[in-house]
C-alpha atoms as a PDB file:
ATOM      1  CA  MET A   1      95.235   0.229 -74.091  1.00  0.00           C
ATOM      2  CA  TYR A   2      95.166   3.739 -72.684  1.00  0.00           C
ATOM      3  CA  ALA A   3      92.932   4.925 -75.496  1.00  0.00           C
ATOM      4  CA  VAL A   4      90.501   2.062 -74.840  1.00  0.00           C
ATOM      5  CA  ARG A   5      90.309   2.912 -71.155  1.00  0.00           C
ATOM      6  CA  ARG A   6      89.751   6.541 -71.949  1.00  0.00           C
ATOM      7  CA  SER A   7      86.894   5.796 -74.366  1.00  0.00           C
ATOM      8  CA  ILE A   8      85.290   3.472 -71.781  1.00  0.00           C
ATOM      9  CA  ILE A   9      85.518   6.162 -69.110  1.00  0.00           C
ATOM     10  CA  LYS A  10      84.054   8.783 -71.468  1.00  0.00           C
ATOM     11  CA  SER A  11      81.198   6.514 -72.437  1.00  0.00           C
ATOM     12  CA  LEU A  12      80.461   5.711 -68.777  1.00  0.00           C
ATOM     13  CA  MET A  13      80.508   9.388 -67.835  1.00  0.00           C
ATOM     14  CA  GLY A  14      78.148  10.150 -70.691  1.00  0.00           C
ATOM     15  CA  GLU A  15      75.734   7.442 -69.541  1.00  0.00           C
ATOM     16  CA  ARG A  16      75.793   8.749 -65.986  1.00  0.00           C
ATOM     17  CA  ARG A  17      75.067  12.231 -67.198  1.00  0.00           C
ATOM     18  CA  MET A  18      72.200  10.927 -69.295  1.00  0.00           C
ATOM     19  CA  HIS A  19      70.729   9.073 -66.320  1.00  0.00           C
ATOM     20  CA  ALA A  20      71.075  12.121 -64.096  1.00  0.00           C
ATOM     21  CA  MET A  21      69.457  14.330 -66.712  1.00  0.00           C
ATOM     22  CA  SER A  22      66.592  11.963 -67.334  1.00  0.00           C
ATOM     23  CA  GLY A  23      65.862  11.828 -63.606  1.00  0.00           C
ATOM     24  CA  MET A  24      65.736  15.597 -63.431  1.00  0.00           C
ATOM     25  CA  MET A  25      63.542  15.817 -66.504  1.00  0.00           C
ATOM     26  CA  ASN A  26      61.054  13.357 -65.132  1.00  0.00           C
ATOM     27  CA  GLY A  27      60.787  15.325 -61.889  1.00  0.00           C
ATOM     28  CA  SER A  28      60.458  18.615 -63.744  1.00  0.00           C
ATOM     29  CA  MET A  29      57.861  17.236 -66.075  1.00  0.00           C
ATOM     30  CA  MET A  30      55.846  15.875 -63.161  1.00  0.00           C
ATOM     31  CA  LEU A  31      56.014  19.227 -61.354  1.00  0.00           C
ATOM     32  CA  GLY A  32      55.044  21.048 -64.537  1.00  0.00           C
ATOM     33  CA  MET A  33      52.070  18.761 -65.012  1.00  0.00           C
ATOM     34  CA  ILE A  34      50.900  19.292 -61.422  1.00  0.00           C
ATOM     35  CA  LEU A  35      51.238  23.068 -61.769  1.00  0.00           C
ATOM     36  CA  TRP A  36      49.298  22.975 -65.045  1.00  0.00           C
ATOM     37  CA  ILE A  37      46.456  21.034 -63.401  1.00  0.00           C
ATOM     38  CA  VAL A  38      46.382  23.516 -60.497  1.00  0.00           C
ATOM     39  CA  PHE A  39      46.250  26.394 -62.997  1.00  0.00           C
ATOM     40  CA  VAL A  40      43.364  24.856 -64.964  1.00  0.00           C
ATOM     41  CA  VAL A  41      41.381  24.112 -61.781  1.00  0.00           C
ATOM     42  CA  GLY A  42      42.004  27.700 -60.606  1.00  0.00           C
ATOM     43  CA  VAL A  43      40.708  29.132 -63.875  1.00  0.00           C
ATOM     44  CA  ILE A  44      37.580  26.965 -63.640  1.00  0.00           C
ATOM     45  CA  ILE A  45      36.917  28.058 -60.046  1.00  0.00           C
ATOM     46  CA  LEU A  46      37.476  31.726 -60.950  1.00  0.00           C
ATOM     47  CA  THR A  47      35.085  31.438 -63.897  1.00  0.00           C
ATOM     48  CA  ILE A  48      32.369  29.892 -61.724  1.00  0.00           C
ATOM     49  CA  TYR A  49      32.850  32.619 -59.097  1.00  0.00           C
ATOM     50  CA  VAL A  50      32.567  35.441 -61.651  1.00  0.00           C
ATOM     51  CA  VAL A  51      29.501  33.908 -63.320  1.00  0.00           C
ATOM     52  CA  THR A  52      27.667  33.532 -59.995  1.00  0.00           C
ATOM     53  CA  LYS A  53      28.502  37.114 -58.955  1.00  0.00           C
ATOM     54  CA  VAL A  54      27.221  38.527 -62.241  1.00  0.00           C
ATOM     55  CA  GLY A  55      24.089  36.364 -61.973  1.00  0.00           C
ATOM     56  CA  LYS A  56      23.330  37.646 -58.480  1.00  0.00           C
ATOM     57  CA  LYS A  57      23.743  41.271 -59.569  1.00  0.00           C
ATOM     58  CA  THR A  58      21.413  40.696 -62.508  1.00  0.00           C
ATOM     59  CA  GLN A  59      18.789  39.124 -60.254  1.00  0.00           C
ATOM     60  CA  ARG A  60      19.019  42.049 -57.829  1.00  0.00           C
ATOM     61  CA  SER A  61      18.599  44.632 -60.582  1.00  0.00           C
ATOM     62  CA  ASN A  62      15.631  42.701 -62.003  1.00  0.00           C
ATOM     63  CA  LYS A  63      13.982  42.679 -58.566  1.00  0.00           C
ATOM     64  CA  GLN A  64      14.484  46.437 -58.211  1.00  0.00           C
ATOM     65  CA  ASP A  65      13.021  47.047 -61.657  1.00  0.00           C
ATOM     66  CA  THR A  66       9.911  44.976 -60.900  1.00  0.00           C
ATOM     67  CA  THR A  67       9.474  46.758 -57.569  1.00  0.00           C
ATOM     68  CA  ASN A  68       9.279  50.096 -59.364  1.00  0.00           C
ATOM     69  CA  ILE A  69       6.880  48.721 -61.944  1.00  0.00           C
ATOM     70  CA  THR A  70       4.520  47.199 -59.381  1.00  0.00           C
ATOM     71  CA  GLY A  71       4.439  50.391 -57.259  1.00  0.00           C
ATOM     72  CA  SER A  72       1.477  52.674 -57.725  1.00  0.00           C
ATOM     73  CA  GLY A  73       1.766  55.652 -60.037  1.00  0.00           C
ATOM     74  CA  LYS A  74       1.546  58.003 -57.067  1.00  0.00           C
ATOM     75  CA  GLN A  75       4.446  56.276 -55.301  1.00  0.00           C
ATOM     76  CA  ILE A  76       6.614  56.397 -58.394  1.00  0.00           C
ATOM     77  CA  LEU A  77       5.770  60.057 -58.928  1.00  0.00           C
ATOM     78  CA  ASP A  78       6.619  60.853 -55.297  1.00  0.00           C
ATOM     79  CA  GLU A  79       9.968  59.061 -55.587  1.00  0.00           C
ATOM     80  CA  ARG A  80      10.878  60.864 -58.805  1.00  0.00           C
ATOM     81  CA  TYR A  81      10.009  64.225 -57.252  1.00  0.00           C
ATOM     82  CA  ALA A  82      11.966  63.409 -54.081  1.00  0.00           C
ATOM     83  CA  ASN A  83      14.996  62.386 -56.151  1.00  0.00           C
ATOM     84  CA  GLY A  84      14.845  65.648 -58.088  1.00  0.00           C
ATOM     85  CA  GLU A  85      14.107  63.947 -61.404  1.00  0.00           C
ATOM     86  CA  ILE A  86      11.090  66.166 -62.085  1.00  0.00           C
ATOM     87  CA  THR A  87      10.194  69.741 -61.212  1.00  0.00           C
ATOM     88  CA  GLU A  88       7.386  70.805 -58.890  1.00  0.00           C
ATOM     89  CA  ARG A  89       5.310  71.925 -61.834  1.00  0.00           C
ATOM     90  CA  GLU A  90       5.664  68.536 -63.560  1.00  0.00           C
ATOM     91  CA  TYR A  91       4.911  66.809 -60.253  1.00  0.00           C
ATOM     92  CA  ARG A  92       1.639  68.684 -59.747  1.00  0.00           C
ATOM     93  CA  ARG A  93       0.530  68.204 -63.336  1.00  0.00           C
ATOM     94  CA  LYS A  94       1.203  64.470 -63.287  1.00  0.00           C
ATOM     95  CA  LYS A  95      -0.339  64.098 -59.848  1.00  0.00           C
ATOM     96  CA  MET A  96      -3.570  65.635 -61.139  1.00  0.00           C
ATOM     97  CA  MET A  97      -3.516  63.262 -64.127  1.00  0.00           C
ATOM     98  CA  ILE A  98      -3.131  60.263 -61.808  1.00  0.00           C
ATOM     99  CA  GLU A  99      -5.944  61.439 -59.536  1.00  0.00           C
ATOM    100  CA  GLU A 100      -8.218  61.882 -62.575  1.00  0.00           C
ATOM    101  CA  MET A 101      -7.423  58.355 -63.772  1.00  0.00           C
ATOM    102  CA  ASP A 102      -8.054  56.900 -60.292  1.00  0.00           C
ATOM    103  CA  SER A 103     -11.423  58.643 -60.001  1.00  0.00           C
ATOM    104  CA  LYS A 104     -12.691  57.115 -63.273  1.00  0.00           C
END
C-alpha cells in the first residue's frame, strides 16, 4: 500500500513539473518569437536607411560632376589654378588656348 501511494505521489509530482515546464516553455517561445520579429524589422529598417543615405550621396556627387562639366572652360581653368592643381605656366598656356578657341 505504501509503495502504491509513493508511486502515485511521484507520478503526480512529475506531471506537475511537466505542466510547469510547458508553461515556461510556451512563454519563452513567445518571447523569443517576438524578439526575432523585432530583430528582423530592425534589420529591414537599417537596410532601408543605409540604401537611402548612399543614394543621396551618389546623387550629390553626380550633381557636382555635372556642374563642373557644364561650367565654361575658363571657369574650370580658374578653379584648377586657384586650387593649386596646375602651375602658373600651365594656367597661362591653357588660358591662351581657350581664348583662341573662343575667338574662332
